[in-house]
């Protein structure tokens, strides 16, 4: 697999999970069989972090030389 393919796949997973956790629907809690959080503050924060990581990965795989630098494959491996 190429490096950009791995970055795009990891970015897609992080973005989808981030959006789901930021919305934090009750049906998702039952499907994933995780305990329900009364205040949804922490799941929402985790969703924001995952969404940000996904954006950083997209920046890295779509960047041109001498442009913004994103997370990169090594950073994604360390975070995951």
C-alpha atoms as a PDB file:
ATOM      1  CA  UNK A   1       0.000   0.000   0.000  1.00  0.00           C
ATOM      2  CA  UNK A   2       1.144   3.477  -0.720  1.00  0.00           C
ATOM      3  CA  UNK A   3       1.701   6.011   2.023  1.00  0.00           C
ATOM      4  CA  UNK A   4      -1.103   8.321   0.841  1.00  0.00           C
ATOM      5  CA  UNK A   5      -3.574   5.439   0.712  1.00  0.00           C
ATOM      6  CA  UNK A   6      -2.855   4.597   4.341  1.00  0.00           C
ATOM      7  CA  UNK A   7      -3.155   8.257   5.351  1.00  0.00           C
ATOM      8  CA  UNK A   8      -6.480   8.641   3.543  1.00  0.00           C
ATOM      9  CA  UNK A   9      -7.883   5.445   5.071  1.00  0.00           C
ATOM     10  CA  UNK A  10      -6.842   6.475   8.589  1.00  0.00           C
ATOM     11  CA  UNK A  11      -8.166   9.998   8.007  1.00  0.00           C
ATOM     12  CA  UNK A  12     -11.545   8.647   6.862  1.00  0.00           C
ATOM     13  CA  UNK A  13     -11.845   6.422   9.927  1.00  0.00           C
ATOM     14  CA  UNK A  14     -10.904   9.266  12.287  1.00  0.00           C
ATOM     15  CA  UNK A  15     -13.274  11.717  10.596  1.00  0.00           C
ATOM     16  CA  UNK A  16     -16.220   9.314  10.681  1.00  0.00           C
ATOM     17  CA  UNK A  17     -15.660   8.360  14.315  1.00  0.00           C
ATOM     18  CA  UNK A  18     -15.120  12.008  15.222  1.00  0.00           C
ATOM     19  CA  UNK A  19     -18.379  13.105  13.619  1.00  0.00           C
ATOM     20  CA  UNK A  20     -20.274  10.249  15.263  1.00  0.00           C
ATOM     21  CA  UNK A  21     -18.865  11.043  18.688  1.00  0.00           C
ATOM     22  CA  UNK A  22     -19.475  14.781  18.316  1.00  0.00           C
ATOM     23  CA  UNK A  23     -23.132  14.035  17.545  1.00  0.00           C
ATOM     24  CA  UNK A  24     -23.177  11.295  20.248  1.00  0.00           C
ATOM     25  CA  UNK A  25     -26.524   9.702  19.393  1.00  0.00           C
ATOM     26  CA  UNK A  26     -27.998   7.321  21.963  1.00  0.00           C
ATOM     27  CA  UNK A  27     -28.446   4.612  19.318  1.00  0.00           C
ATOM     28  CA  UNK A  28     -24.667   4.628  18.694  1.00  0.00           C
ATOM     29  CA  UNK A  29     -24.103   3.974  22.392  1.00  0.00           C
ATOM     30  CA  UNK A  30     -26.294   0.887  22.314  1.00  0.00           C
ATOM     31  CA  UNK A  31     -24.794  -0.406  19.036  1.00  0.00           C
ATOM     32  CA  UNK A  32     -21.217  -0.057  20.330  1.00  0.00           C
ATOM     33  CA  UNK A  33     -22.243  -1.430  23.759  1.00  0.00           C
ATOM     34  CA  UNK A  34     -20.427   1.324  25.611  1.00  0.00           C
ATOM     35  CA  UNK A  35     -21.628   2.865  28.870  1.00  0.00           C
ATOM     36  CA  UNK A  36     -23.849   5.909  28.511  1.00  0.00           C
ATOM     37  CA  UNK A  37     -22.318   9.158  29.715  1.00  0.00           C
ATOM     38  CA  UNK A  38     -24.813  11.401  31.461  1.00  0.00           C
ATOM     39  CA  UNK A  39     -23.141  14.604  30.382  1.00  0.00           C
ATOM     40  CA  UNK A  40     -21.928  14.078  26.842  1.00  0.00           C
ATOM     41  CA  UNK A  41     -18.980  16.438  27.373  1.00  0.00           C
ATOM     42  CA  UNK A  42     -16.159  13.888  27.240  1.00  0.00           C
ATOM     43  CA  UNK A  43     -17.438  11.922  24.228  1.00  0.00           C
ATOM     44  CA  UNK A  44     -17.917  15.208  22.387  1.00  0.00           C
ATOM     45  CA  UNK A  45     -14.367  16.313  23.215  1.00  0.00           C
ATOM     46  CA  UNK A  46     -13.003  12.948  22.055  1.00  0.00           C
ATOM     47  CA  UNK A  47     -14.958  13.350  18.816  1.00  0.00           C
ATOM     48  CA  UNK A  48     -13.416  16.773  18.292  1.00  0.00           C
ATOM     49  CA  UNK A  49      -9.927  15.375  18.856  1.00  0.00           C
ATOM     50  CA  UNK A  50     -10.502  12.516  16.401  1.00  0.00           C
ATOM     51  CA  UNK A  51     -11.922  14.946  13.848  1.00  0.00           C
ATOM     52  CA  UNK A  52      -8.863  17.188  14.216  1.00  0.00           C
ATOM     53  CA  UNK A  53      -6.521  14.232  13.769  1.00  0.00           C
ATOM     54  CA  UNK A  54      -8.421  13.268  10.618  1.00  0.00           C
ATOM     55  CA  UNK A  55      -8.054  16.784   9.235  1.00  0.00           C
ATOM     56  CA  UNK A  56      -4.326  16.801   9.998  1.00  0.00           C
ATOM     57  CA  UNK A  57      -3.959  13.514   8.123  1.00  0.00           C
ATOM     58  CA  UNK A  58      -5.835  14.899   5.120  1.00  0.00           C
ATOM     59  CA  UNK A  59      -3.618  17.980   5.091  1.00  0.00           C
ATOM     60  CA  UNK A  60      -0.555  15.738   5.064  1.00  0.00           C
ATOM     61  CA  UNK A  61      -1.681  13.476   2.217  1.00  0.00           C
ATOM     62  CA  UNK A  62      -2.874  16.363   0.019  1.00  0.00           C
ATOM     63  CA  UNK A  63      -0.057  18.827   0.639  1.00  0.00           C
ATOM     64  CA  UNK A  64       2.378  20.174  -1.905  1.00  0.00           C
ATOM     65  CA  UNK A  65       6.067  20.796  -1.202  1.00  0.00           C
ATOM     66  CA  UNK A  66       6.739  23.927   0.884  1.00  0.00           C
ATOM     67  CA  UNK A  67       3.139  24.038   2.133  1.00  0.00           C
ATOM     68  CA  UNK A  68       1.454  23.271   5.447  1.00  0.00           C
ATOM     69  CA  UNK A  69       2.639  20.071   7.108  1.00  0.00           C
ATOM     70  CA  UNK A  70       0.071  17.748   8.644  1.00  0.00           C
ATOM     71  CA  UNK A  71       0.386  14.831  11.007  1.00  0.00           C
ATOM     72  CA  UNK A  72       2.133  12.335   8.736  1.00  0.00           C
ATOM     73  CA  UNK A  73       2.250   8.572   8.793  1.00  0.00           C
ATOM     74  CA  UNK A  74       4.646   8.338  11.743  1.00  0.00           C
ATOM     75  CA  UNK A  75       2.447  10.638  13.821  1.00  0.00           C
ATOM     76  CA  UNK A  76      -0.661   8.682  12.922  1.00  0.00           C
ATOM     77  CA  UNK A  77       0.982   5.424  13.971  1.00  0.00           C
ATOM     78  CA  UNK A  78       1.996   6.953  17.308  1.00  0.00           C
ATOM     79  CA  UNK A  79      -1.501   8.292  17.980  1.00  0.00           C
ATOM     80  CA  UNK A  80      -3.311   5.129  16.890  1.00  0.00           C
END
